[in-house]
């Protein structure tokens, strides 16, 4: 039980920058003390988290017992697919940021990545790779992240200051 408290605490701490960014978006603030561009900063933070979580999926995929044939061939029906999917998620977030930084499109791509990462965790839970406590924590935190990204996305379409302002 103590292990899950630490996991949840670390995940909750990771949610704080998203909450901060959503609050500043609601207040139409894009600069705060030494932070000159909150949208860009939260975009970079999305990249870090998506890359980290994709790396976790990659690591779990490598640590589970996979036959050499499964690693060498692609199939949507075995665990080898997570090796490819984890890379695709990280790269899509990076390309989204590269081609559309600070735009609602990037935050939509990030939201989709977070949803897919949660679905992967659901599959890992169903395969008994992760336990129910971790999965429930991931669900709660992901809902919080998605809510914050929804606010940021909506405000990006409307009045939240652009980078050029």
C-alpha atoms as a PDB file:
ATOM      1  CA  UNK A   1       0.000   0.000   0.000  1.00  0.00           C
ATOM      2  CA  UNK A   2       2.842   2.423   0.792  1.00  0.00           C
ATOM      3  CA  UNK A   3       4.244   1.904  -2.705  1.00  0.00           C
ATOM      4  CA  UNK A   4       1.009   3.112  -4.294  1.00  0.00           C
ATOM      5  CA  UNK A   5       0.983   6.247  -2.137  1.00  0.00           C
ATOM      6  CA  UNK A   6       4.413   7.197  -3.460  1.00  0.00           C
ATOM      7  CA  UNK A   7       3.399   6.422  -7.046  1.00  0.00           C
ATOM      8  CA  UNK A   8       0.254   8.508  -6.715  1.00  0.00           C
ATOM      9  CA  UNK A   9       2.135  11.363  -5.032  1.00  0.00           C
ATOM     10  CA  UNK A  10       4.689  11.491  -7.839  1.00  0.00           C
ATOM     11  CA  UNK A  11       1.949  11.383 -10.462  1.00  0.00           C
ATOM     12  CA  UNK A  12       0.003  14.119  -8.660  1.00  0.00           C
ATOM     13  CA  UNK A  13       3.108  16.300  -8.513  1.00  0.00           C
ATOM     14  CA  UNK A  14       3.459  15.816 -12.258  1.00  0.00           C
ATOM     15  CA  UNK A  15      -0.082  17.141 -12.673  1.00  0.00           C
ATOM     16  CA  UNK A  16       0.740  20.487 -11.013  1.00  0.00           C
ATOM     17  CA  UNK A  17       2.301  22.134 -14.117  1.00  0.00           C
ATOM     18  CA  UNK A  18      -0.808  21.233 -16.128  1.00  0.00           C
ATOM     19  CA  UNK A  19      -3.062  22.757 -13.460  1.00  0.00           C
ATOM     20  CA  UNK A  20      -0.883  25.885 -13.379  1.00  0.00           C
ATOM     21  CA  UNK A  21      -1.054  26.220 -17.176  1.00  0.00           C
ATOM     22  CA  UNK A  22      -4.827  25.713 -17.233  1.00  0.00           C
ATOM     23  CA  UNK A  23      -5.291  28.310 -14.476  1.00  0.00           C
ATOM     24  CA  UNK A  24      -3.162  30.849 -16.329  1.00  0.00           C
ATOM     25  CA  UNK A  25      -5.064  30.096 -19.538  1.00  0.00           C
ATOM     26  CA  UNK A  26      -8.358  30.758 -17.760  1.00  0.00           C
ATOM     27  CA  UNK A  27      -6.933  34.027 -16.427  1.00  0.00           C
ATOM     28  CA  UNK A  28      -5.624  34.977 -19.915  1.00  0.00           C
ATOM     29  CA  UNK A  29      -2.081  35.148 -18.581  1.00  0.00           C
ATOM     30  CA  UNK A  30       0.816  33.898 -20.707  1.00  0.00           C
ATOM     31  CA  UNK A  31       3.657  35.444 -18.689  1.00  0.00           C
ATOM     32  CA  UNK A  32       4.339  34.793 -15.027  1.00  0.00           C
ATOM     33  CA  UNK A  33       7.396  36.094 -13.191  1.00  0.00           C
ATOM     34  CA  UNK A  34      10.387  34.713 -15.090  1.00  0.00           C
ATOM     35  CA  UNK A  35       8.257  32.549 -17.431  1.00  0.00           C
ATOM     36  CA  UNK A  36       7.879  34.458 -20.699  1.00  0.00           C
ATOM     37  CA  UNK A  37       5.643  31.982 -22.518  1.00  0.00           C
ATOM     38  CA  UNK A  38       3.533  29.607 -20.421  1.00  0.00           C
ATOM     39  CA  UNK A  39       1.997  27.898 -23.472  1.00  0.00           C
ATOM     40  CA  UNK A  40       5.433  27.028 -24.833  1.00  0.00           C
ATOM     41  CA  UNK A  41       6.562  25.811 -21.425  1.00  0.00           C
ATOM     42  CA  UNK A  42       3.533  23.551 -20.970  1.00  0.00           C
ATOM     43  CA  UNK A  43       4.048  22.317 -24.540  1.00  0.00           C
ATOM     44  CA  UNK A  44       7.603  21.311 -23.675  1.00  0.00           C
ATOM     45  CA  UNK A  45       6.348  19.716 -20.469  1.00  0.00           C
ATOM     46  CA  UNK A  46       3.830  17.684 -22.508  1.00  0.00           C
ATOM     47  CA  UNK A  47       6.708  16.480 -24.661  1.00  0.00           C
ATOM     48  CA  UNK A  48       8.720  15.442 -21.614  1.00  0.00           C
ATOM     49  CA  UNK A  49       5.825  13.545 -20.050  1.00  0.00           C
ATOM     50  CA  UNK A  50       4.742  11.849 -23.289  1.00  0.00           C
ATOM     51  CA  UNK A  51       8.352  10.871 -24.012  1.00  0.00           C
ATOM     52  CA  UNK A  52       8.792   9.568 -20.468  1.00  0.00           C
ATOM     53  CA  UNK A  53       5.567   7.585 -20.533  1.00  0.00           C
ATOM     54  CA  UNK A  54       6.375   6.210 -23.988  1.00  0.00           C
ATOM     55  CA  UNK A  55       9.741   5.140 -22.606  1.00  0.00           C
ATOM     56  CA  UNK A  56       7.969   3.345 -19.779  1.00  0.00           C
ATOM     57  CA  UNK A  57       5.842   1.480 -22.346  1.00  0.00           C
ATOM     58  CA  UNK A  58       9.020   0.643 -24.274  1.00  0.00           C
ATOM     59  CA  UNK A  59      10.701  -0.605 -21.108  1.00  0.00           C
ATOM     60  CA  UNK A  60       7.725  -2.680 -19.994  1.00  0.00           C
ATOM     61  CA  UNK A  61       7.554  -4.182 -23.481  1.00  0.00           C
ATOM     62  CA  UNK A  62      11.214  -5.150 -23.323  1.00  0.00           C
ATOM     63  CA  UNK A  63      10.970  -6.483 -19.768  1.00  0.00           C
ATOM     64  CA  UNK A  64       8.009  -8.748 -20.436  1.00  0.00           C
ATOM     65  CA  UNK A  65       8.927 -12.076 -21.863  1.00  0.00           C
ATOM     66  CA  UNK A  66       8.619 -11.776 -25.607  1.00  0.00           C
ATOM     67  CA  UNK A  67       9.755 -14.350 -28.050  1.00  0.00           C
ATOM     68  CA  UNK A  68      12.375 -13.214 -30.544  1.00  0.00           C
ATOM     69  CA  UNK A  69       9.873 -13.784 -33.336  1.00  0.00           C
ATOM     70  CA  UNK A  70       7.395 -11.380 -31.669  1.00  0.00           C
ATOM     71  CA  UNK A  71      10.056  -8.666 -31.457  1.00  0.00           C
ATOM     72  CA  UNK A  72      11.057  -9.098 -35.090  1.00  0.00           C
ATOM     73  CA  UNK A  73       7.579  -9.211 -36.611  1.00  0.00           C
ATOM     74  CA  UNK A  74       4.795  -6.688 -36.260  1.00  0.00           C
ATOM     75  CA  UNK A  75       1.343  -7.795 -35.215  1.00  0.00           C
ATOM     76  CA  UNK A  76      -1.490  -5.955 -33.518  1.00  0.00           C
ATOM     77  CA  UNK A  77      -2.228  -9.141 -31.577  1.00  0.00           C
ATOM     78  CA  UNK A  78       0.945  -9.536 -29.533  1.00  0.00           C
ATOM     79  CA  UNK A  79       2.900  -7.395 -27.089  1.00  0.00           C
ATOM     80  CA  UNK A  80       5.554  -6.490 -29.678  1.00  0.00           C
ATOM     81  CA  UNK A  81       3.213  -3.804 -31.014  1.00  0.00           C
ATOM     82  CA  UNK A  82       3.962  -1.655 -27.961  1.00  0.00           C
ATOM     83  CA  UNK A  83       7.586  -1.268 -29.036  1.00  0.00           C
ATOM     84  CA  UNK A  84       6.399   0.423 -32.228  1.00  0.00           C
ATOM     85  CA  UNK A  85       3.466   2.267 -30.701  1.00  0.00           C
ATOM     86  CA  UNK A  86       5.586   3.832 -27.962  1.00  0.00           C
ATOM     87  CA  UNK A  87       7.931   5.261 -30.594  1.00  0.00           C
ATOM     88  CA  UNK A  88       5.047   6.463 -32.752  1.00  0.00           C
ATOM     89  CA  UNK A  89       3.492   8.322 -29.812  1.00  0.00           C
ATOM     90  CA  UNK A  90       6.694  10.064 -28.803  1.00  0.00           C
ATOM     91  CA  UNK A  91       7.517  11.015 -32.388  1.00  0.00           C
ATOM     92  CA  UNK A  92       4.002  12.282 -33.127  1.00  0.00           C
ATOM     93  CA  UNK A  93       4.169  14.578 -30.100  1.00  0.00           C
ATOM     94  CA  UNK A  94       7.598  15.866 -31.144  1.00  0.00           C
ATOM     95  CA  UNK A  95       6.519  16.426 -34.751  1.00  0.00           C
ATOM     96  CA  UNK A  96       3.349  18.128 -33.541  1.00  0.00           C
ATOM     97  CA  UNK A  97       5.400  20.481 -31.417  1.00  0.00           C
ATOM     98  CA  UNK A  98       7.905  21.094 -34.212  1.00  0.00           C
ATOM     99  CA  UNK A  99       5.279  21.915 -36.839  1.00  0.00           C
ATOM    100  CA  UNK A 100       2.616  23.544 -34.655  1.00  0.00           C
ATOM    101  CA  UNK A 101       4.181  24.870 -31.438  1.00  0.00           C
ATOM    102  CA  UNK A 102       1.855  26.721 -29.074  1.00  0.00           C
ATOM    103  CA  UNK A 103      -1.136  25.878 -31.232  1.00  0.00           C
ATOM    104  CA  UNK A 104      -4.348  24.080 -30.343  1.00  0.00           C
ATOM    105  CA  UNK A 105      -3.337  21.344 -32.802  1.00  0.00           C
ATOM    106  CA  UNK A 106      -0.332  20.414 -30.672  1.00  0.00           C
ATOM    107  CA  UNK A 107      -2.455  20.240 -27.509  1.00  0.00           C
ATOM    108  CA  UNK A 108      -4.993  18.040 -29.327  1.00  0.00           C
ATOM    109  CA  UNK A 109      -2.187  15.717 -30.470  1.00  0.00           C
ATOM    110  CA  UNK A 110      -0.894  15.607 -26.885  1.00  0.00           C
ATOM    111  CA  UNK A 111      -4.369  14.764 -25.577  1.00  0.00           C
ATOM    112  CA  UNK A 112      -4.659  11.912 -28.067  1.00  0.00           C
ATOM    113  CA  UNK A 113      -1.218  10.621 -27.001  1.00  0.00           C
ATOM    114  CA  UNK A 114      -2.245  10.675 -23.330  1.00  0.00           C
ATOM    115  CA  UNK A 115      -5.459   8.781 -24.150  1.00  0.00           C
ATOM    116  CA  UNK A 116      -3.559   6.126 -26.113  1.00  0.00           C
ATOM    117  CA  UNK A 117      -1.003   5.776 -23.306  1.00  0.00           C
ATOM    118  CA  UNK A 118      -3.863   5.198 -20.861  1.00  0.00           C
ATOM    119  CA  UNK A 119      -5.372   2.575 -23.178  1.00  0.00           C
ATOM    120  CA  UNK A 120      -1.996   0.843 -23.295  1.00  0.00           C
ATOM    121  CA  UNK A 121      -1.917   0.845 -19.489  1.00  0.00           C
ATOM    122  CA  UNK A 122      -5.416  -0.659 -19.520  1.00  0.00           C
ATOM    123  CA  UNK A 123      -4.121  -3.455 -21.729  1.00  0.00           C
ATOM    124  CA  UNK A 124      -1.080  -3.879 -19.469  1.00  0.00           C
ATOM    125  CA  UNK A 125      -3.458  -4.191 -16.506  1.00  0.00           C
ATOM    126  CA  UNK A 126      -5.562  -6.782 -18.348  1.00  0.00           C
ATOM    127  CA  UNK A 127      -2.362  -8.721 -19.107  1.00  0.00           C
ATOM    128  CA  UNK A 128      -1.409  -8.549 -15.383  1.00  0.00           C
ATOM    129  CA  UNK A 129       1.704  -6.520 -16.181  1.00  0.00           C
ATOM    130  CA  UNK A 130       0.648  -3.621 -13.925  1.00  0.00           C
ATOM    131  CA  UNK A 131      -1.592  -3.792 -10.863  1.00  0.00           C
ATOM    132  CA  UNK A 132      -4.984  -2.232 -10.222  1.00  0.00           C
ATOM    133  CA  UNK A 133      -3.675   0.437  -7.832  1.00  0.00           C
ATOM    134  CA  UNK A 134      -1.262   1.828 -10.390  1.00  0.00           C
ATOM    135  CA  UNK A 135      -3.885   1.687 -13.133  1.00  0.00           C
ATOM    136  CA  UNK A 136      -6.481   3.528 -11.029  1.00  0.00           C
ATOM    137  CA  UNK A 137      -3.914   6.213 -10.206  1.00  0.00           C
ATOM    138  CA  UNK A 138      -3.069   6.580 -13.888  1.00  0.00           C
ATOM    139  CA  UNK A 139      -6.760   6.946 -14.717  1.00  0.00           C
ATOM    140  CA  UNK A 140      -7.250   9.736 -12.170  1.00  0.00           C
ATOM    141  CA  UNK A 141      -4.155  11.661 -13.181  1.00  0.00           C
ATOM    142  CA  UNK A 142      -4.846  11.262 -16.901  1.00  0.00           C
ATOM    143  CA  UNK A 143      -8.368  12.633 -16.434  1.00  0.00           C
ATOM    144  CA  UNK A 144      -6.821  15.642 -14.682  1.00  0.00           C
ATOM    145  CA  UNK A 145      -4.262  16.142 -17.450  1.00  0.00           C
ATOM    146  CA  UNK A 146      -6.923  15.853 -20.141  1.00  0.00           C
ATOM    147  CA  UNK A 147      -9.164  18.361 -18.361  1.00  0.00           C
ATOM    148  CA  UNK A 148      -6.275  20.826 -18.150  1.00  0.00           C
ATOM    149  CA  UNK A 149      -5.344  20.278 -21.798  1.00  0.00           C
ATOM    150  CA  UNK A 150      -8.987  20.803 -22.777  1.00  0.00           C
ATOM    151  CA  UNK A 151      -8.970  24.193 -21.048  1.00  0.00           C
ATOM    152  CA  UNK A 152      -5.647  25.111 -22.664  1.00  0.00           C
ATOM    153  CA  UNK A 153      -6.885  23.993 -26.096  1.00  0.00           C
ATOM    154  CA  UNK A 154     -10.148  25.917 -25.868  1.00  0.00           C
ATOM    155  CA  UNK A 155      -8.371  29.043 -24.652  1.00  0.00           C
ATOM    156  CA  UNK A 156      -5.774  28.652 -27.434  1.00  0.00           C
ATOM    157  CA  UNK A 157      -8.587  28.854 -29.969  1.00  0.00           C
ATOM    158  CA  UNK A 158      -9.944  31.982 -28.320  1.00  0.00           C
ATOM    159  CA  UNK A 159      -8.340  34.765 -26.312  1.00  0.00           C
ATOM    160  CA  UNK A 160      -5.218  33.352 -24.631  1.00  0.00           C
ATOM    161  CA  UNK A 161      -2.337  35.527 -25.872  1.00  0.00           C
ATOM    162  CA  UNK A 162      -0.367  34.228 -28.820  1.00  0.00           C
ATOM    163  CA  UNK A 163       3.414  33.893 -28.817  1.00  0.00           C
ATOM    164  CA  UNK A 164       3.794  36.953 -31.014  1.00  0.00           C
ATOM    165  CA  UNK A 165       1.958  39.182 -28.511  1.00  0.00           C
END
